[in-house]
PDB file of N, CA and C in Angstrom:
ATOM      1  N   MET A   1     -49.691 -90.935  23.878  1.00  0.00           N
ATOM      2  CA  MET A   1     -49.336 -90.946  25.281  1.00  0.00           C
ATOM      3  C   MET A   1     -50.570 -91.370  26.090  1.00  0.00           C
ATOM      4  N   PHE A   2     -50.338 -92.297  26.995  1.00  0.00           N
ATOM      5  CA  PHE A   2     -51.408 -92.836  27.827  1.00  0.00           C
ATOM      6  C   PHE A   2     -51.514 -92.050  29.136  1.00  0.00           C
ATOM      7  N   PRO A   3     -52.616 -92.240  29.882  1.00  0.00           N
ATOM      8  CA  PRO A   3     -52.767 -91.559  31.176  1.00  0.00           C
ATOM      9  C   PRO A   3     -51.635 -91.911  32.138  1.00  0.00           C
ATOM     10  N   ARG A   4     -51.336 -90.996  33.009  1.00  0.00           N
ATOM     11  CA  ARG A   4     -50.241 -91.150  33.954  1.00  0.00           C
ATOM     12  C   ARG A   4     -50.712 -91.724  35.281  1.00  0.00           C
ATOM     13  N   VAL A   5     -49.768 -92.284  36.021  1.00  0.00           N
ATOM     14  CA  VAL A   5     -50.045 -92.860  37.330  1.00  0.00           C
ATOM     15  C   VAL A   5     -50.291 -91.723  38.327  1.00  0.00           C
ATOM     16  N   ILE A   6     -51.366 -91.839  39.101  1.00  0.00           N
ATOM     17  CA  ILE A   6     -51.638 -90.818  40.118  1.00  0.00           C
ATOM     18  C   ILE A   6     -51.578 -91.385  41.533  1.00  0.00           C
ATOM     19  N   ALA A   7     -51.612 -92.733  41.652  1.00  0.00           N
ATOM     20  CA  ALA A   7     -51.544 -93.349  42.982  1.00  0.00           C
ATOM     21  C   ALA A   7     -50.989 -94.763  42.859  1.00  0.00           C
ATOM     22  N   VAL A   8     -50.285 -95.181  43.913  1.00  0.00           N
ATOM     23  CA  VAL A   8     -49.768 -96.545  43.973  1.00  0.00           C
ATOM     24  C   VAL A   8     -49.960 -97.067  45.382  1.00  0.00           C
ATOM     25  N   ARG A   9     -50.234 -98.369  45.468  1.00  0.00           N
ATOM     26  CA  ARG A   9     -50.388 -99.000  46.772  1.00  0.00           C
ATOM     27  C   ARG A   9     -49.723-100.360  46.713  1.00  0.00           C
ATOM     28  N   HIS A  10     -48.834-100.606  47.680  1.00  0.00           N
ATOM     29  CA  HIS A  10     -48.189-101.913  47.768  1.00  0.00           C
ATOM     30  C   HIS A  10     -49.198-102.891  48.351  1.00  0.00           C
ATOM     31  N   LEU A  11     -49.363-104.042  47.705  1.00  0.00           N
ATOM     32  CA  LEU A  11     -50.323-105.040  48.164  1.00  0.00           C
ATOM     33  C   LEU A  11     -49.643-106.158  48.948  1.00  0.00           C
ATOM     34  N   ARG A  12     -48.652-106.792  48.345  1.00  0.00           N
ATOM     35  CA  ARG A  12     -47.867-107.855  48.972  1.00  0.00           C
ATOM     36  C   ARG A  12     -46.681-108.151  48.068  1.00  0.00           C
ATOM     37  N   GLU A  13     -45.628-108.666  48.615  1.00  0.00           N
ATOM     38  CA  GLU A  13     -44.415-109.017  47.885  1.00  0.00           C
ATOM     39  C   GLU A  13     -44.139-108.009  46.770  1.00  0.00           C
ATOM     40  N   TYR A  14     -44.246-108.452  45.510  1.00  0.00           N
ATOM     41  CA  TYR A  14     -43.942-107.582  44.369  1.00  0.00           C
ATOM     42  C   TYR A  14     -45.195-107.096  43.648  1.00  0.00           C
ATOM     43  N   TRP A  15     -46.323-107.142  44.333  1.00  0.00           N
ATOM     44  CA  TRP A  15     -47.587-106.700  43.750  1.00  0.00           C
ATOM     45  C   TRP A  15     -47.874-105.250  44.122  1.00  0.00           C
ATOM     46  N   LEU A  16     -48.258-104.471  43.100  1.00  0.00           N
ATOM     47  CA  LEU A  16     -48.664-103.079  43.304  1.00  0.00           C
ATOM     48  C   LEU A  16     -50.028-102.855  42.659  1.00  0.00           C
ATOM     49  N   GLU A  17     -50.798-101.970  43.267  1.00  0.00           N
ATOM     50  CA  GLU A  17     -52.039-101.512  42.663  1.00  0.00           C
ATOM     51  C   GLU A  17     -51.794-100.087  42.176  1.00  0.00           C
ATOM     52  N   LEU A  18     -52.069 -99.864  40.898  1.00  0.00           N
ATOM     53  CA  LEU A  18     -51.843 -98.554  40.286  1.00  0.00           C
ATOM     54  C   LEU A  18     -53.178 -97.910  39.924  1.00  0.00           C
ATOM     55  N   THR A  19     -53.264 -96.606  40.128  1.00  0.00           N
ATOM     56  CA  THR A  19     -54.418 -95.832  39.696  1.00  0.00           C
ATOM     57  C   THR A  19     -53.912 -94.796  38.702  1.00  0.00           C
ATOM     58  N   PHE A  20     -54.640 -94.667  37.588  1.00  0.00           N
ATOM     59  CA  PHE A  20     -54.238 -93.753  36.521  1.00  0.00           C
ATOM     60  C   PHE A  20     -55.159 -92.541  36.458  1.00  0.00           C
ATOM     61  N   ALA A  21     -54.705 -91.507  35.788  1.00  0.00           N
ATOM     62  CA  ALA A  21     -55.428 -90.236  35.717  1.00  0.00           C
ATOM     63  C   ALA A  21     -56.801 -90.368  35.071  1.00  0.00           C
ATOM     64  N   ASP A  22     -57.016 -91.405  34.258  1.00  0.00           N
ATOM     65  CA  ASP A  22     -58.322 -91.590  33.630  1.00  0.00           C
ATOM     66  C   ASP A  22     -59.281 -92.414  34.504  1.00  0.00           C
ATOM     67  N   GLY A  23     -58.850 -92.725  35.745  1.00  0.00           N
ATOM     68  CA  GLY A  23     -59.692 -93.474  36.669  1.00  0.00           C
ATOM     69  C   GLY A  23     -59.495 -94.980  36.615  1.00  0.00           C
ATOM     70  N   GLN A  24     -58.757 -95.461  35.626  1.00  0.00           N
ATOM     71  CA  GLN A  24     -58.496 -96.901  35.539  1.00  0.00           C
ATOM     72  C   GLN A  24     -57.588 -97.321  36.689  1.00  0.00           C
ATOM     73  N   LYS A  25     -57.819 -98.525  37.168  1.00  0.00           N
ATOM     74  CA  LYS A  25     -57.049 -99.051  38.283  1.00  0.00           C
ATOM     75  C   LYS A  25     -56.747-100.508  37.975  1.00  0.00           C
ATOM     76  N   GLY A  26     -55.560-100.954  38.368  1.00  0.00           N
ATOM     77  CA  GLY A  26     -55.227-102.350  38.147  1.00  0.00           C
ATOM     78  C   GLY A  26     -54.049-102.771  38.991  1.00  0.00           C
ATOM     79  N   ARG A  27     -53.837-104.075  39.036  1.00  0.00           N
ATOM     80  CA  ARG A  27     -52.759-104.651  39.841  1.00  0.00           C
ATOM     81  C   ARG A  27     -51.731-105.292  38.931  1.00  0.00           C
ATOM     82  N   LEU A  28     -50.461-105.153  39.328  1.00  0.00           N
ATOM     83  CA  LEU A  28     -49.366-105.764  38.578  1.00  0.00           C
ATOM     84  C   LEU A  28     -48.432-106.497  39.521  1.00  0.00           C
ATOM     85  N   ASP A  29     -47.972-107.653  39.068  1.00  0.00           N
ATOM     86  CA  ASP A  29     -46.942-108.404  39.776  1.00  0.00           C
ATOM     87  C   ASP A  29     -45.623-108.103  39.082  1.00  0.00           C
ATOM     88  N   PHE A  30     -44.710-107.479  39.791  1.00  0.00           N
ATOM     89  CA  PHE A  30     -43.435-107.061  39.219  1.00  0.00           C
ATOM     90  C   PHE A  30     -42.335-108.113  39.372  1.00  0.00           C
ATOM     91  N   ARG A  31     -42.650-109.254  39.959  1.00  0.00           N
ATOM     92  CA  ARG A  31     -41.629-110.270  40.237  1.00  0.00           C
ATOM     93  C   ARG A  31     -40.785-110.579  39.002  1.00  0.00           C
ATOM     94  N   GLU A  32     -41.404-110.920  37.895  1.00  0.00           N
ATOM     95  CA  GLU A  32     -40.649-111.283  36.695  1.00  0.00           C
ATOM     96  C   GLU A  32     -39.919-110.092  36.085  1.00  0.00           C
ATOM     97  N   ARG A  33     -40.378-108.898  36.358  1.00  0.00           N
ATOM     98  CA  ARG A  33     -39.735-107.702  35.804  1.00  0.00           C
ATOM     99  C   ARG A  33     -38.471-107.315  36.556  1.00  0.00           C
ATOM    100  N   ILE A  34     -38.321-107.797  37.807  1.00  0.00           N
ATOM    101  CA  ILE A  34     -37.174-107.335  38.598  1.00  0.00           C
ATOM    102  C   ILE A  34     -36.259-108.444  39.110  1.00  0.00           C
ATOM    103  N   THR A  35     -36.768-109.638  39.341  1.00  0.00           N
ATOM    104  CA  THR A  35     -35.911-110.676  39.924  1.00  0.00           C
ATOM    105  C   THR A  35     -34.864-111.132  38.910  1.00  0.00           C
ATOM    106  N   GLY A  36     -33.652-111.286  39.433  1.00  0.00           N
ATOM    107  CA  GLY A  36     -32.543-111.720  38.600  1.00  0.00           C
ATOM    108  C   GLY A  36     -31.916-110.616  37.767  1.00  0.00           C
ATOM    109  N   ARG A  37     -32.378-109.391  37.915  1.00  0.00           N
ATOM    110  CA  ARG A  37     -31.823-108.276  37.132  1.00  0.00           C
ATOM    111  C   ARG A  37     -30.735-107.573  37.923  1.00  0.00           C
ATOM    112  N   ARG A  38     -29.893-106.904  37.221  1.00  0.00           N
ATOM    113  CA  ARG A  38     -28.787-106.164  37.830  1.00  0.00           C
ATOM    114  C   ARG A  38     -29.045-104.666  37.744  1.00  0.00           C
ATOM    115  N   GLY A  39     -28.044-103.918  38.118  1.00  0.00           N
ATOM    116  CA  GLY A  39     -28.145-102.467  38.048  1.00  0.00           C
ATOM    117  C   GLY A  39     -29.168-101.943  39.028  1.00  0.00           C
ATOM    118  N   PRO A  40     -29.904-100.905  38.640  1.00  0.00           N
ATOM    119  CA  PRO A  40     -30.858-100.289  39.571  1.00  0.00           C
ATOM    120  C   PRO A  40     -31.999-101.226  39.973  1.00  0.00           C
ATOM    121  N   PHE A  41     -32.280-102.252  39.168  1.00  0.00           N
ATOM    122  CA  PHE A  41     -33.347-103.190  39.503  1.00  0.00           C
ATOM    123  C   PHE A  41     -32.961-104.128  40.637  1.00  0.00           C
ATOM    124  N   ALA A  42     -31.666-104.323  40.870  1.00  0.00           N
ATOM    125  CA  ALA A  42     -31.210-105.244  41.916  1.00  0.00           C
ATOM    126  C   ALA A  42     -31.763-104.852  43.289  1.00  0.00           C
ATOM    127  N   ALA A  43     -31.795-103.569  43.590  1.00  0.00           N
ATOM    128  CA  ALA A  43     -32.289-103.102  44.886  1.00  0.00           C
ATOM    129  C   ALA A  43     -33.759-103.453  45.101  1.00  0.00           C
ATOM    130  N   LEU A  44     -34.541-103.499  44.029  1.00  0.00           N
ATOM    131  CA  LEU A  44     -35.971-103.780  44.143  1.00  0.00           C
ATOM    132  C   LEU A  44     -36.268-105.218  44.519  1.00  0.00           C
ATOM    133  N   GLN A  45     -35.280-106.091  44.433  1.00  0.00           N
ATOM    134  CA  GLN A  45     -35.491-107.488  44.803  1.00  0.00           C
ATOM    135  C   GLN A  45     -35.690-107.642  46.312  1.00  0.00           C
ATOM    136  N   ASP A  46     -35.241-106.660  47.074  1.00  0.00           N
ATOM    137  CA  ASP A  46     -35.498-106.611  48.516  1.00  0.00           C
ATOM    138  C   ASP A  46     -36.908-106.041  48.696  1.00  0.00           C
ATOM    139  N   VAL A  47     -37.829-106.854  49.174  1.00  0.00           N
ATOM    140  CA  VAL A  47     -39.227-106.430  49.273  1.00  0.00           C
ATOM    141  C   VAL A  47     -39.384-105.177  50.128  1.00  0.00           C
ATOM    142  N   ASP A  48     -38.583-105.038  51.182  1.00  0.00           N
ATOM    143  CA  ASP A  48     -38.677-103.836  52.011  1.00  0.00           C
ATOM    144  C   ASP A  48     -38.307-102.589  51.205  1.00  0.00           C
ATOM    145  N   PHE A  49     -37.349-102.716  50.306  1.00  0.00           N
ATOM    146  CA  PHE A  49     -36.996-101.590  49.431  1.00  0.00           C
ATOM    147  C   PHE A  49     -38.089-101.390  48.381  1.00  0.00           C
ATOM    148  N   PHE A  50     -38.563-102.472  47.793  1.00  0.00           N
ATOM    149  CA  PHE A  50     -39.615-102.406  46.777  1.00  0.00           C
ATOM    150  C   PHE A  50     -40.838-101.653  47.299  1.00  0.00           C
ATOM    151  N   LYS A  51     -41.177-101.872  48.570  1.00  0.00           N
ATOM    152  CA  LYS A  51     -42.348-101.234  49.174  1.00  0.00           C
ATOM    153  C   LYS A  51     -42.208 -99.708  49.305  1.00  0.00           C
ATOM    154  N   GLN A  52     -41.022 -99.184  49.087  1.00  0.00           N
ATOM    155  CA  GLN A  52     -40.812 -97.739  49.193  1.00  0.00           C
ATOM    156  C   GLN A  52     -41.231 -96.992  47.922  1.00  0.00           C
ATOM    157  N   VAL A  53     -41.898 -97.677  47.029  1.00  0.00           N
ATOM    158  CA  VAL A  53     -42.348 -97.073  45.778  1.00  0.00           C
ATOM    159  C   VAL A  53     -43.233 -95.857  46.053  1.00  0.00           C
ATOM    160  N   GLN A  54     -43.112 -94.864  45.195  1.00  0.00           N
ATOM    161  CA  GLN A  54     -43.940 -93.657  45.260  1.00  0.00           C
ATOM    162  C   GLN A  54     -44.291 -93.228  43.846  1.00  0.00           C
ATOM    163  N   VAL A  55     -45.200 -92.281  43.747  1.00  0.00           N
ATOM    164  CA  VAL A  55     -45.543 -91.696  42.453  1.00  0.00           C
ATOM    165  C   VAL A  55     -44.822 -90.366  42.332  1.00  0.00           C
ATOM    166  N   ASP A  56     -44.127 -90.178  41.230  1.00  0.00           N
ATOM    167  CA  ASP A  56     -43.547 -88.874  40.912  1.00  0.00           C
ATOM    168  C   ASP A  56     -44.667 -88.072  40.257  1.00  0.00           C
ATOM    169  N   PRO A  57     -45.172 -87.025  40.926  1.00  0.00           N
ATOM    170  CA  PRO A  57     -46.323 -86.290  40.395  1.00  0.00           C
ATOM    171  C   PRO A  57     -46.023 -85.543  39.096  1.00  0.00           C
ATOM    172  N   GLU A  58     -44.783 -85.169  38.877  1.00  0.00           N
ATOM    173  CA  GLU A  58     -44.448 -84.467  37.633  1.00  0.00           C
ATOM    174  C   GLU A  58     -44.396 -85.420  36.446  1.00  0.00           C
ATOM    175  N   ALA A  59     -43.759 -86.580  36.636  1.00  0.00           N
ATOM    176  CA  ALA A  59     -43.615 -87.554  35.544  1.00  0.00           C
ATOM    177  C   ALA A  59     -44.816 -88.484  35.447  1.00  0.00           C
ATOM    178  N   GLY A  60     -45.597 -88.588  36.534  1.00  0.00           N
ATOM    179  CA  GLY A  60     -46.756 -89.464  36.528  1.00  0.00           C
ATOM    180  C   GLY A  60     -46.394 -90.928  36.423  1.00  0.00           C
ATOM    181  N   THR A  61     -45.338 -91.301  37.131  1.00  0.00           N
ATOM    182  CA  THR A  61     -44.906 -92.685  37.093  1.00  0.00           C
ATOM    183  C   THR A  61     -44.374 -93.134  38.443  1.00  0.00           C
ATOM    184  N   LEU A  62     -43.987 -94.406  38.522  1.00  0.00           N
ATOM    185  CA  LEU A  62     -43.452 -94.969  39.755  1.00  0.00           C
ATOM    186  C   LEU A  62     -41.974 -94.659  39.888  1.00  0.00           C
ATOM    187  N   VAL A  63     -41.556 -94.357  41.117  1.00  0.00           N
ATOM    188  CA  VAL A  63     -40.146 -94.095  41.409  1.00  0.00           C
ATOM    189  C   VAL A  63     -39.781 -94.755  42.731  1.00  0.00           C
ATOM    190  N   TRP A  64     -38.489 -95.059  42.867  1.00  0.00           N
ATOM    191  CA  TRP A  64     -37.949 -95.631  44.098  1.00  0.00           C
ATOM    192  C   TRP A  64     -36.805 -94.754  44.584  1.00  0.00           C
ATOM    193  N   PRO A  65     -36.381 -94.919  45.833  1.00  0.00           N
ATOM    194  CA  PRO A  65     -35.328 -94.065  46.399  1.00  0.00           C
ATOM    195  C   PRO A  65     -33.984 -94.124  45.662  1.00  0.00           C
ATOM    196  N   ASN A  66     -33.748 -95.148  44.853  1.00  0.00           N
ATOM    197  CA  ASN A  66     -32.494 -95.217  44.098  1.00  0.00           C
ATOM    198  C   ASN A  66     -32.610 -94.527  42.744  1.00  0.00           C
ATOM    199  N   ASP A  67     -33.638 -93.691  42.569  1.00  0.00           N
ATOM    200  CA  ASP A  67     -33.899 -92.914  41.358  1.00  0.00           C
ATOM    201  C   ASP A  67     -34.355 -93.740  40.164  1.00  0.00           C
ATOM    202  N   LEU A  68     -34.716 -94.997  40.392  1.00  0.00           N
ATOM    203  CA  LEU A  68     -35.276 -95.810  39.325  1.00  0.00           C
ATOM    204  C   LEU A  68     -36.704 -95.352  39.075  1.00  0.00           C
ATOM    205  N   ASP A  69     -37.038 -95.155  37.812  1.00  0.00           N
ATOM    206  CA  ASP A  69     -38.420 -94.873  37.446  1.00  0.00           C
ATOM    207  C   ASP A  69     -38.789 -95.759  36.269  1.00  0.00           C
ATOM    208  N   LEU A  70     -40.073 -95.939  36.068  1.00  0.00           N
ATOM    209  CA  LEU A  70     -40.562 -96.801  35.005  1.00  0.00           C
ATOM    210  C   LEU A  70     -41.396 -95.998  34.022  1.00  0.00           C
ATOM    211  N   ASP A  71     -41.396 -96.430  32.781  1.00  0.00           N
ATOM    212  CA  ASP A  71     -42.143 -95.748  31.730  1.00  0.00           C
ATOM    213  C   ASP A  71     -43.640 -95.861  32.032  1.00  0.00           C
ATOM    214  N   PRO A  72     -44.328 -94.730  32.191  1.00  0.00           N
ATOM    215  CA  PRO A  72     -45.757 -94.791  32.534  1.00  0.00           C
ATOM    216  C   PRO A  72     -46.612 -95.391  31.421  1.00  0.00           C
ATOM    217  N   ASP A  73     -46.206 -95.257  30.167  1.00  0.00           N
ATOM    218  CA  ASP A  73     -46.964 -95.861  29.069  1.00  0.00           C
ATOM    219  C   ASP A  73     -46.900 -97.387  29.151  1.00  0.00           C
ATOM    220  N   VAL A  74     -45.727 -97.915  29.478  1.00  0.00           N
ATOM    221  CA  VAL A  74     -45.568 -99.363  29.633  1.00  0.00           C
ATOM    222  C   VAL A  74     -46.434 -99.856  30.784  1.00  0.00           C
ATOM    223  N   LEU A  75     -46.454 -99.118  31.886  1.00  0.00           N
ATOM    224  CA  LEU A  75     -47.276 -99.503  33.036  1.00  0.00           C
ATOM    225  C   LEU A  75     -48.761 -99.520  32.673  1.00  0.00           C
ATOM    226  N   TYR A  76     -49.216 -98.495  31.982  1.00  0.00           N
ATOM    227  CA  TYR A  76     -50.630 -98.420  31.606  1.00  0.00           C
ATOM    228  C   TYR A  76     -51.010 -99.599  30.720  1.00  0.00           C
ATOM    229  N   CYS A  77     -50.185 -99.879  29.723  1.00  0.00           N
ATOM    230  CA  CYS A  77     -50.477-100.995  28.815  1.00  0.00           C
ATOM    231  C   CYS A  77     -50.487-102.321  29.567  1.00  0.00           C
ATOM    232  N   ALA A  78     -49.568-102.498  30.505  1.00  0.00           N
ATOM    233  CA  ALA A  78     -49.523-103.738  31.281  1.00  0.00           C
ATOM    234  C   ALA A  78     -50.788-103.901  32.123  1.00  0.00           C
ATOM    235  N   VAL A  79     -51.229-102.842  32.765  1.00  0.00           N
ATOM    236  CA  VAL A  79     -52.437-102.902  33.590  1.00  0.00           C
ATOM    237  C   VAL A  79     -53.677-103.138  32.727  1.00  0.00           C
ATOM    238  N   MET A  80     -53.745-102.503  31.581  1.00  0.00           N
ATOM    239  CA  MET A  80     -54.917-102.605  30.718  1.00  0.00           C
ATOM    240  C   MET A  80     -54.898-103.858  29.835  1.00  0.00           C
ATOM    241  N   GLY A  81     -53.743-104.542  29.796  1.00  0.00           N
ATOM    242  CA  GLY A  81     -53.636-105.747  28.972  1.00  0.00           C
ATOM    243  C   GLY A  81     -53.613-105.453  27.485  1.00  0.00           C
ATOM    244  N   ILE A  82     -53.014-104.321  27.125  1.00  0.00           N
ATOM    245  CA  ILE A  82     -52.912-103.971  25.704  1.00  0.00           C
ATOM    246  C   ILE A  82     -51.444-103.895  25.311  1.00  0.00           C
ATOM    247  N   GLU A  83     -51.197-104.042  24.013  1.00  0.00           N
ATOM    248  CA  GLU A  83     -49.827-103.962  23.531  1.00  0.00           C
ATOM    249  C   GLU A  83     -49.403-102.511  23.413  1.00  0.00           C
ATOM    250  N   LEU A  84     -48.155-102.277  23.763  1.00  0.00           N
ATOM    251  CA  LEU A  84     -47.584-100.941  23.610  1.00  0.00           C
ATOM    252  C   LEU A  84     -47.388-100.693  22.123  1.00  0.00           C
ATOM    253  N   PRO A  85     -47.923 -99.598  21.586  1.00  0.00           N
ATOM    254  CA  PRO A  85     -47.763 -99.323  20.155  1.00  0.00           C
ATOM    255  C   PRO A  85     -46.288 -99.157  19.786  1.00  0.00           C
ATOM    256  N   GLU A  86     -45.963 -99.567  18.576  1.00  0.00           N
ATOM    257  CA  GLU A  86     -44.602 -99.391  18.072  1.00  0.00           C
ATOM    258  C   GLU A  86     -44.339 -97.898  17.897  1.00  0.00           C
ATOM    259  N   PRO A  87     -43.103 -97.464  18.227  1.00  0.00           N
ATOM    260  CA  PRO A  87     -42.786 -96.047  17.997  1.00  0.00           C
ATOM    261  C   PRO A  87     -42.805 -95.752  16.516  1.00  0.00           C
ATOM    262  N   GLU A  88     -43.250 -94.558  16.185  1.00  0.00           N
ATOM    263  CA  GLU A  88     -43.289 -94.168  14.781  1.00  0.00           C
ATOM    264  C   GLU A  88     -41.881 -93.985  14.269  1.00  0.00           C
ATOM    265  N   GLN A  89     -41.650 -94.487  13.071  1.00  0.00           N
ATOM    266  CA  GLN A  89     -40.348 -94.342  12.430  1.00  0.00           C
ATOM    267  C   GLN A  89     -40.248 -92.930  11.862  1.00  0.00           C
ATOM    268  N   ALA A  90     -39.113 -92.297  12.070  1.00  0.00           N
ATOM    269  CA  ALA A  90     -38.889 -90.963  11.521  1.00  0.00           C
ATOM    270  C   ALA A  90     -38.790 -91.103   9.997  1.00  0.00           C
ATOM    271  N   GLN A  91     -39.492 -90.263   9.303  1.00  0.00           N
ATOM    272  CA  GLN A  91     -39.458 -90.274   7.842  1.00  0.00           C
ATOM    273  C   GLN A  91     -38.285 -89.423   7.388  1.00  0.00           C
ATOM    274  N   ILE A  92     -37.380 -90.052   6.666  1.00  0.00           N
ATOM    275  CA  ILE A  92     -36.217 -89.336   6.135  1.00  0.00           C
ATOM    276  C   ILE A  92     -36.486 -89.047   4.659  1.00  0.00           C
ATOM    277  N   PRO A  93     -36.493 -87.757   4.284  1.00  0.00           N
ATOM    278  CA  PRO A  93     -36.766 -87.420   2.893  1.00  0.00           C
ATOM    279  C   PRO A  93     -35.706 -88.022   1.970  1.00  0.00           C
ATOM    280  N   ALA A  94     -36.140 -88.460   0.811  1.00  0.00           N
ATOM    281  CA  ALA A  94     -35.210 -89.066  -0.170  1.00  0.00           C
ATOM    282  C   ALA A  94     -34.420 -88.006  -0.892  1.00  0.00           C
TER     283      ALA A  94
END
């Protein structure tokens, strides 16, 4: 498990600056992650709605008023430019 988001700041359009619990900070462009998507992501295509992003202090991730939240591990890896580790496969005894 990676450090959680402790602060977010809207920069412009679909750009956010994220600060993590370990002090790391970085910027992400969410345009490709949300444009053209349906469901809860559709609302985020409106920049005025997108700017309503907040940090959920319990989950340590980004949330929007439509209850959309994002995986904080994915966010950390994206900001740090590292690959998200593959989930461990459950070992089933023979």
